[in-house]
Protein backbone atom coordinates (compact mmCIF):
# COMPACT_ATOMS: atom_id res chain seq x y z
CA UNK A 1 154.06 173.96 85.08
CA UNK A 2 156.57 175.13 87.92
CA UNK A 3 159.20 173.24 89.67
CA UNK A 4 156.83 173.57 92.15
CA UNK A 5 153.75 172.61 91.12
CA UNK A 6 155.33 168.75 89.70
CA UNK A 7 156.47 168.17 93.33
CA UNK A 8 153.26 169.11 94.91
CA UNK A 9 151.05 167.35 92.23
CA UNK A 10 154.20 163.86 92.87
CA UNK A 11 153.43 163.96 96.41
CA UNK A 12 149.51 164.47 96.15
CA UNK A 13 149.80 161.51 94.40
CA UNK A 14 151.85 159.60 96.51
CA UNK A 15 149.68 160.26 99.37
CA UNK A 16 147.12 159.00 97.43
CA UNK A 17 148.42 155.61 96.52
CA UNK A 18 149.92 155.61 99.95
CA UNK A 19 145.96 155.80 101.41
CA UNK A 20 144.60 153.17 98.77
CA UNK A 21 147.60 151.24 99.20
CA UNK A 22 146.78 151.13 103.06
CA UNK A 23 142.87 151.08 102.28
CA UNK A 24 143.73 147.87 100.64
CA UNK A 25 146.10 145.98 102.99
CA UNK A 26 143.38 146.34 105.70
CA UNK A 27 140.87 144.90 103.28
CA UNK A 28 142.96 142.03 103.03
CA UNK A 29 143.85 141.92 106.45
CA UNK A 30 140.30 141.58 108.01
CA UNK A 31 139.18 139.26 104.53
CA UNK A 32 141.97 137.05 106.00
CA UNK A 33 140.60 137.07 109.45
CA UNK A 34 137.00 137.05 108.35
CA UNK A 35 137.15 133.59 106.53
CA UNK A 36 139.79 132.25 109.38
CA UNK A 37 136.61 132.75 111.55
CA UNK A 38 134.03 131.57 109.09
CA UNK A 39 136.47 128.68 108.38
CA UNK A 40 136.55 127.17 112.14
CA UNK A 41 133.03 127.91 113.04
CA UNK A 42 132.13 125.90 109.69
CA UNK A 43 133.96 123.41 109.65
CA UNK A 44 134.40 120.52 106.32
CA UNK A 45 131.27 118.68 106.59
CA UNK A 46 132.37 115.04 107.93
CA UNK A 47 130.44 111.71 106.25
CA UNK A 48 127.29 111.35 109.11
CA UNK A 49 127.96 107.74 109.62
CA UNK A 50 125.21 107.61 111.73
CA UNK A 51 123.33 108.71 108.97
CA UNK A 52 124.25 106.01 106.80
CA UNK A 53 123.91 102.71 110.04
CA UNK A 54 120.50 101.50 109.74
CA UNK A 55 119.05 98.41 111.88
CA UNK A 56 116.88 95.57 110.22
CA UNK A 57 114.95 93.86 112.70
CA UNK A 58 114.59 90.23 111.60
CA UNK A 59 110.98 88.44 112.06
CA UNK A 60 110.67 86.58 109.55
CA UNK A 61 110.91 83.06 110.98
CA UNK A 62 108.48 84.13 114.39
CA UNK A 63 104.91 82.95 114.58
CA UNK A 64 103.82 85.67 116.55
CA UNK A 65 103.79 89.97 116.49
CA UNK A 66 107.65 90.90 118.25
CA UNK A 67 107.62 94.65 119.74
CA UNK A 68 111.44 96.35 120.08
CA UNK A 69 112.86 98.54 122.81
CA UNK A 70 115.57 100.31 123.66
CA UNK A 71 115.66 100.34 126.70
CA UNK A 72 114.32 97.55 129.73
CA UNK A 73 111.49 98.85 131.08
CA UNK A 74 109.56 99.22 127.42
CA UNK A 75 107.78 101.86 127.38
CA UNK A 76 106.30 104.00 125.02
CA UNK A 77 108.63 106.19 124.40
CA UNK A 78 110.89 103.44 124.09
CA UNK A 79 109.61 101.28 121.50
CA UNK A 80 111.20 101.29 118.05
CA UNK A 81 109.23 98.39 115.91
CA UNK A 82 106.54 96.39 115.38
CA UNK A 83 107.04 93.32 113.90
CA UNK A 84 104.95 91.48 112.80
CA UNK A 85 104.77 87.18 112.23
CA UNK A 86 106.99 86.87 108.99
CA UNK A 87 108.02 90.42 108.11
CA UNK A 88 111.17 92.84 108.72
CA UNK A 89 110.64 96.08 109.93
CA UNK A 90 111.25 98.81 107.21
CA UNK A 91 115.47 100.13 108.64
CA UNK A 92 115.52 102.18 111.16
CA UNK A 93 118.81 104.59 112.48
CA UNK A 94 121.16 103.02 114.57
CA UNK A 95 124.27 104.07 116.70
CA UNK A 96 127.39 101.70 116.27
CA UNK A 97 128.94 99.41 118.37
CA UNK A 98 127.74 97.14 120.51
CA UNK A 99 123.36 98.07 121.21
CA UNK A 100 121.25 95.60 123.69
CA UNK A 101 117.33 95.46 122.66
CA UNK A 102 115.01 94.11 124.64
CA UNK A 103 111.73 92.04 122.52
CA UNK A 104 107.77 91.74 123.77
CA UNK A 105 105.79 88.83 121.52
CA UNK A 106 102.00 90.34 120.99
CA UNK A 107 100.61 86.39 121.10
CA UNK A 108 97.38 84.83 119.59
CA UNK A 109 96.12 81.97 120.84
CA UNK A 110 94.58 78.90 119.14
CA UNK A 111 90.96 78.53 119.28
CA UNK A 112 89.80 81.82 120.75
CA UNK A 113 88.46 83.80 117.62
CA UNK A 114 91.54 86.27 118.39
CA UNK A 115 92.52 86.63 121.71
CA UNK A 116 95.61 88.30 122.06
CA UNK A 117 97.72 88.95 125.23
CA UNK A 118 101.24 90.15 126.41
CA UNK A 119 104.50 87.97 126.90
CA UNK A 120 107.84 89.14 128.15
CA UNK A 121 110.43 87.05 128.29
CA UNK A 122 111.69 86.24 131.92
CA UNK A 123 115.31 88.37 132.25
CA UNK A 124 118.54 87.41 130.41
CA UNK A 125 116.02 85.87 127.26
CA UNK A 126 114.11 88.69 126.65
CA UNK A 127 117.39 90.59 125.72
CA UNK A 128 118.84 91.20 122.06
CA UNK A 129 122.55 91.81 122.37
CA UNK A 130 124.33 92.34 118.85
CA UNK A 131 127.63 94.58 117.33
CA UNK A 132 125.81 97.56 114.83
CA UNK A 133 128.02 97.84 111.73
CA UNK A 134 128.70 102.03 110.49
CA UNK A 135 127.70 102.68 107.25
CA UNK A 136 125.70 99.80 106.44
CA UNK A 137 122.10 97.92 107.09
CA UNK A 138 122.80 95.93 109.86
CA UNK A 139 119.73 92.60 110.51
CA UNK A 140 119.02 92.38 113.42
CA UNK A 141 117.26 88.20 113.77
CA UNK A 142 114.12 88.32 116.40
CA UNK A 143 114.14 85.15 118.53
CA UNK A 144 111.44 82.87 117.78
CA UNK A 145 109.02 82.78 120.79
CA UNK A 146 110.32 78.87 121.68
CA UNK A 147 114.04 80.10 122.66
CA UNK A 148 112.54 82.38 125.19
CA UNK A 149 110.95 79.52 127.47
CA UNK A 150 112.89 77.06 129.19
CA UNK A 151 110.97 74.21 128.26
CA UNK A 152 107.51 73.76 126.03
CA UNK A 153 105.49 73.19 129.14
CA UNK A 154 106.07 76.49 131.07
CA UNK A 155 103.37 79.01 131.01
CA UNK A 156 103.75 82.52 129.09
CA UNK A 157 101.70 84.15 132.05
CA UNK A 158 103.01 84.40 135.46
CA UNK A 159 100.57 87.09 136.92
CA UNK A 160 97.29 86.71 135.13
CA UNK A 161 94.75 84.32 134.18
CA UNK A 162 92.28 85.59 130.62
CA UNK A 163 88.71 85.04 130.63
CA UNK A 164 86.61 85.27 127.41
CA UNK A 165 83.23 85.98 127.44
CA UNK A 166 81.26 85.32 124.14
CA UNK A 167 77.48 87.08 124.43
CA UNK A 168 74.98 84.29 122.45
CA UNK A 169 72.48 85.73 124.17
CA UNK A 170 69.99 88.42 123.25
CA UNK A 171 71.03 91.01 125.66
CA UNK A 172 73.65 93.06 126.84
CA UNK A 173 76.06 91.95 129.35
CA UNK A 174 78.94 93.13 131.43
CA UNK A 175 81.25 91.39 134.13
CA UNK A 176 81.43 92.27 138.12
CA UNK A 177 83.67 91.79 140.39
CA UNK A 178 82.92 92.11 144.28
CA UNK A 179 80.73 90.82 147.62
CA UNK A 180 77.32 89.42 146.19
CA UNK A 181 75.20 91.52 147.79
CA UNK A 182 75.62 94.68 146.04
CA UNK A 183 78.80 97.50 145.52
CA UNK A 184 80.62 95.37 142.27
CA UNK A 185 82.98 97.10 140.08
CA UNK A 186 82.21 96.78 136.63
CA UNK A 187 85.17 95.33 134.78
CA UNK A 188 86.43 96.74 131.93
CA UNK A 189 86.95 94.42 128.76
CA UNK A 190 90.68 94.55 127.04
CA UNK A 191 89.43 94.74 123.34
CA UNK A 192 86.27 96.80 123.21
CA UNK A 193 85.60 100.34 124.65
CA UNK A 194 82.87 100.67 127.09
CA UNK A 195 81.76 97.97 129.86
CA UNK A 196 79.06 96.56 127.60
CA UNK A 197 79.30 93.38 126.11
CA UNK A 198 76.46 93.94 123.16
CA UNK A 199 74.33 90.79 121.61
CA UNK A 200 76.62 88.51 119.49
CA UNK A 201 80.38 90.07 121.04
CA UNK A 202 83.33 88.39 122.40
CA UNK A 203 84.73 90.58 125.53
CA UNK A 204 88.33 89.33 126.47
CA UNK A 205 88.93 90.49 129.99
CA UNK A 206 92.51 90.14 131.89
CA UNK A 207 91.96 88.66 135.86
CA UNK A 208 95.29 89.59 137.63
CA UNK A 209 96.04 86.57 140.15
CA UNK A 210 95.28 88.09 143.84
CA UNK A 211 91.88 88.84 142.18
CA UNK A 212 91.40 85.16 140.35
CA UNK A 213 88.36 83.92 142.70
CA UNK A 214 85.82 82.91 140.69
CA UNK A 215 82.77 83.20 143.34
CA UNK A 216 84.04 86.92 143.10
CA UNK A 217 82.81 87.42 139.76
CA UNK A 218 79.39 87.84 138.60
CA UNK A 219 78.11 88.34 134.88
CA UNK A 220 75.11 90.73 134.61
CA UNK A 221 72.01 90.55 131.67
CA UNK A 222 69.59 92.61 131.63
CA UNK A 223 68.44 92.91 135.06
CA UNK A 224 69.50 89.29 135.89
CA UNK A 225 72.74 88.37 138.32
CA UNK A 226 74.67 84.95 136.47
CA UNK A 227 77.22 82.87 138.75
CA UNK A 228 79.93 81.18 137.02
CA UNK A 229 79.83 77.42 136.94
CA UNK A 230 80.10 76.22 140.78
CA UNK A 231 82.94 74.10 139.54
CA UNK A 232 85.56 76.53 138.94
CA UNK A 233 87.50 77.58 141.86
CA UNK A 234 89.71 80.02 140.80
CA UNK A 235 90.72 81.77 137.41
CA UNK A 236 94.23 79.63 137.30
CA UNK A 237 97.05 81.97 136.83
CA UNK A 238 98.53 81.20 132.46
CA UNK A 239 95.24 79.95 131.26
CA UNK A 240 92.30 81.28 129.14
CA UNK A 241 88.74 80.73 129.71
CA UNK A 242 85.77 81.12 127.14
CA UNK A 243 82.76 81.42 128.25
CA UNK A 244 79.58 81.15 126.84
CA UNK A 245 77.04 83.05 127.80
CA UNK A 246 73.11 82.25 126.43
CA UNK A 247 70.55 84.38 128.66
CA UNK A 248 69.95 81.96 130.63
CA UNK A 249 73.68 80.02 132.23
CA UNK A 250 77.17 80.31 131.95
CA UNK A 251 78.59 77.47 130.33
CA UNK A 252 82.61 76.73 130.30
CA UNK A 253 83.21 75.54 126.21
CA UNK A 254 87.33 75.62 126.96
CA UNK A 255 90.43 76.29 129.21
CA UNK A 256 93.62 76.68 127.39
CA UNK A 257 97.10 76.63 128.72
CA UNK A 258 99.12 79.41 127.66
CA UNK A 259 101.65 77.17 126.26
CA UNK A 260 103.66 77.71 122.95
CA UNK A 261 102.02 74.68 121.58
CA UNK A 262 98.58 76.28 121.64
CA UNK A 263 100.00 79.92 120.06
CA UNK A 264 98.21 80.44 116.35
CA UNK A 265 101.39 80.78 113.63
CA UNK A 266 100.08 84.16 112.56
CA UNK A 267 103.19 84.47 110.28
CA UNK A 268 101.04 82.35 107.93
CA UNK A 269 100.46 84.53 104.70
CA UNK A 270 96.91 85.29 103.53
CA UNK A 271 98.34 85.28 99.86
CA UNK A 272 101.64 84.37 98.85
CA UNK A 273 102.75 84.24 95.16
CA UNK A 274 106.26 83.91 93.70
CA UNK A 275 105.45 82.91 90.32
CA UNK A 276 108.01 79.91 90.67
CA UNK A 277 105.74 77.38 89.12
CA UNK A 278 103.52 76.98 86.26
CA UNK A 279 100.33 78.01 87.34
CA UNK A 280 100.13 81.52 89.88
CA UNK A 281 97.79 82.99 92.24
CA UNK A 282 96.50 85.80 89.71
CA UNK A 283 94.04 86.52 86.78
CA UNK A 284 95.51 88.48 84.38
CA UNK A 285 93.59 90.63 82.22
CA UNK A 286 95.63 92.20 78.80
CA UNK A 287 92.50 92.38 76.54
CA UNK A 288 94.40 93.60 72.75
CA UNK A 289 96.38 96.17 74.51
CA UNK A 290 100.01 96.64 73.47
CA UNK A 291 101.80 96.34 76.51
CA UNK A 292 100.91 93.29 78.32
CA UNK A 293 101.37 91.67 81.99
CA UNK A 294 103.56 88.38 80.93
CA UNK A 295 104.88 85.86 83.70
CA UNK A 296 108.33 84.44 82.26
CA UNK A 297 112.41 84.73 82.92
CA UNK A 298 113.54 88.11 81.27
CA UNK A 299 113.21 90.03 84.44
CA UNK A 300 113.95 88.80 88.17
CA UNK A 301 114.05 90.16 91.84
CA UNK A 302 116.88 88.27 93.40
CA UNK A 303 117.88 84.64 93.46
CA UNK A 304 114.03 83.62 91.89
CA UNK A 305 113.81 82.38 88.68
CA UNK A 306 110.42 84.26 87.40
CA UNK A 307 108.48 87.11 87.55
CA UNK A 308 105.23 89.21 86.20
CA UNK A 309 106.35 92.05 84.14
CA UNK A 310 105.15 94.24 81.52
CA UNK A 311 106.19 93.28 77.66
CA UNK A 312 105.38 94.57 74.35
CA UNK A 313 107.15 91.73 72.82
CA UNK A 314 104.86 88.67 74.25
CA UNK A 315 107.33 88.30 77.36
CA UNK A 316 110.80 88.27 75.74
CA UNK A 317 111.65 91.46 77.01
CA UNK A 318 110.63 93.87 80.24
CA UNK A 319 109.80 96.99 77.91
CA UNK A 320 106.96 98.85 76.36
CA UNK A 321 105.74 101.52 73.83
CA UNK A 322 104.69 104.30 74.23
CA UNK A 323 102.52 104.55 71.18
CA UNK A 324 99.94 102.93 72.11
CA UNK A 325 98.31 103.87 76.03
CA UNK A 326 97.54 100.75 77.58
CA UNK A 327 96.12 99.53 81.08
CA UNK A 328 96.64 96.15 82.01
CA UNK A 329 95.79 94.32 85.26
CA UNK A 330 96.56 90.80 87.48
CA UNK A 331 94.08 90.49 89.85
CA UNK A 332 93.64 87.75 92.67
CA UNK A 333 90.44 87.61 95.18
CA UNK A 334 91.23 87.04 99.16
CA UNK A 335 90.02 86.65 102.20
CA UNK A 336 90.92 89.05 104.98
CA UNK A 337 90.84 86.28 108.24
CA UNK A 338 88.74 87.72 111.40
CA UNK A 339 92.05 89.62 113.73
CA UNK A 340 93.02 92.40 115.65
CA UNK A 341 96.30 93.72 113.70
CA UNK A 342 96.45 95.69 110.71
CA UNK A 343 97.09 94.08 106.62
CA UNK A 344 100.70 94.28 105.13
CA UNK A 345 101.39 94.02 101.45
CA UNK A 346 104.97 93.64 100.73
CA UNK A 347 106.16 92.99 96.79
CA UNK A 348 109.48 93.54 94.98
CA UNK A 349 108.61 95.98 92.12
CA UNK A 350 110.61 97.77 89.61
CA UNK A 351 109.38 100.31 87.68
CA UNK A 352 110.77 103.30 86.27
CA UNK A 353 108.22 104.67 83.80
CA UNK A 354 107.16 108.48 84.58
CA UNK A 355 104.25 110.73 85.63
CA UNK A 356 101.17 109.29 83.28
CA UNK A 357 103.36 105.58 82.52
CA UNK A 358 102.88 103.76 86.49
CA UNK A 359 102.34 100.69 88.47
CA UNK A 360 99.48 100.64 90.66
CA UNK A 361 97.87 98.92 93.45
CA UNK A 362 94.25 98.45 94.19
CA UNK A 363 91.85 96.54 96.55
CA UNK A 364 88.33 96.79 95.72
CA UNK A 365 85.04 94.66 96.24
CA UNK A 366 85.20 91.32 94.90
CA UNK A 367 82.45 92.18 92.61
CA UNK A 368 84.27 94.80 90.90
CA UNK A 369 85.73 93.38 87.53
CA UNK A 370 89.13 94.55 86.05
CA UNK A 371 88.88 94.82 82.79
CA UNK A 372 91.59 95.89 79.70
CA UNK A 373 91.46 99.74 79.05
CA UNK A 374 90.27 100.68 82.22
CA UNK A 375 91.59 102.42 85.24
CA UNK A 376 89.56 100.42 88.54
CA UNK A 377 88.29 103.21 90.90
CA UNK A 378 90.37 105.90 92.46
CA UNK A 379 88.93 105.54 96.04
CA UNK A 380 89.69 101.80 95.98
CA UNK A 381 93.41 102.83 94.86
CA UNK A 382 96.55 101.54 97.96
CA UNK A 383 99.69 102.77 96.09
CA UNK A 384 101.14 104.72 93.04
CA UNK A 385 104.62 104.14 91.18
CA UNK A 386 107.39 105.43 88.69
CA UNK A 387 110.52 106.85 88.39
CA UNK A 388 112.20 104.34 90.79
CA UNK A 389 114.79 103.68 88.36
CA UNK A 390 116.14 100.10 87.18
CA UNK A 391 117.35 98.25 90.32
CA UNK A 392 114.20 96.04 92.72
CA UNK A 393 112.90 97.65 95.54
CA UNK A 394 110.70 95.78 98.33
CA UNK A 395 107.31 97.91 98.44
CA UNK A 396 105.41 97.79 102.13
CA UNK A 397 101.55 98.78 102.10
CA UNK A 398 100.41 99.21 106.21
CA UNK A 399 97.40 100.81 105.31
CA UNK A 400 94.83 97.98 104.91
CA UNK A 401 92.62 98.79 107.94
CA UNK A 402 91.60 95.93 110.50
CA UNK A 403 87.75 96.42 108.99
CA UNK A 404 88.31 94.56 106.16
CA UNK A 405 88.11 91.13 108.46
CA UNK A 406 86.06 88.84 107.65
CA UNK A 407 85.56 90.16 103.91
CA UNK A 408 86.92 89.62 100.57
CA UNK A 409 88.03 91.91 98.33
CA UNK A 410 90.39 92.21 95.51
CA UNK A 411 93.62 92.48 95.10
CA UNK A 412 94.61 94.53 91.89
CA UNK A 413 98.47 95.45 90.21
CA UNK A 414 97.60 97.82 87.21
CA UNK A 415 99.93 99.20 84.96
CA UNK A 416 98.89 102.17 82.27
CA UNK A 417 100.47 104.27 80.21
CA UNK A 418 99.78 107.01 77.73
CA UNK A 419 100.85 107.75 73.88
CA UNK A 420 103.39 110.67 74.47
CA UNK A 421 107.11 108.86 75.76
CA UNK A 422 108.46 105.89 76.94
CA UNK A 423 110.97 105.41 80.04
CA UNK A 424 112.45 102.11 80.22
CA UNK A 425 111.91 99.88 82.11
CA UNK A 426 107.73 99.40 82.81
CA UNK A 427 106.37 97.33 85.53
CA UNK A 428 107.79 94.46 87.57
CA UNK A 429 107.08 92.46 90.57
CA UNK A 430 107.93 89.57 92.44
CA UNK A 431 107.57 87.90 95.71
CA UNK A 432 103.66 89.24 96.56
CA UNK A 433 103.08 88.63 100.51
CA UNK A 434 99.88 89.52 101.60
CA UNK A 435 99.17 89.20 105.61
């Protein structure tokens, strides 16, 4: 190769290397700016303190349902929680710092067969101010209703009176207001749909203070009009009047002042069991199964001394054997009272297990007899739980319908496992409350 050819070849190689270097430099510069741009648009994730900040509204000392709002106008859109007497709310996201919550109450009145009315305390007594701390669950205590009134004789309604009509006739009835010669308005009951009060039905009405003249009201039964007792002038504000209609006349059964002393305490549970006493409310069906329900001290929830749990060694440990399939039950008969609010079951639970080794809750007819080795009907199951770890957690079941009011059912706690493998621990349950 001649010297000229070598020079040309060298210059060509140098030229190509320069192009490659320039390309690489451009690529690196562009990459650098791209990375900077991405970093600017996507800053590193910071801890989401707000998502870790929760609030629980505590009505465990209450005697009536509390409704919590985050604005004083108490619009439906600002409602945060409905907390039944004796219960706590679920954990709710909150913002750290000073917060104000606004409380109203739904009150059941004694001796009225489930008459309820809403009560909002006077301004100043209707609020809870609290400091919400970040990254933790904050417990907010709902005031007992007695703390919202100036004295025990305070009437809890200052603008309305209430009427209860018990239709003990064979006719449909309806409540009318207006002139006696015609043009009356048919009033809509608060607790039933439609304006007709069927035979055997109790209807509730709210009467505003400017329309409480007794003589302006009549009851229509079939095609006949009935007047209220003539010795009544007005339906007095702050009182509930209970009338009986028998198809012949209307009689006053009771007149109850709406005071704290006449509030029906709905915190009293239908069933409550902590297994602390020698006797408990549940019947155990273990049969000859390998893994059995026991009440003892092998595992406990919180500060309790005993719990009910599955054991393969007569209660010494909370453990199960997978070599033998087991189906065992604890059950209790429960009678649901007449009420106009849904029922709630809560309990503390510890269970791991796996897909086919689990704890389940059933609510069957009281005539159903649980038997070891046999699963209750699937249609009666309220919940199924497994793989929740070795820590205790509180379970709340809210899907128990109002239609169960006035009926007797059988509450069943079931453990089942297959023959394949075990995943400790099996079920343990404590502090069972049905309201």
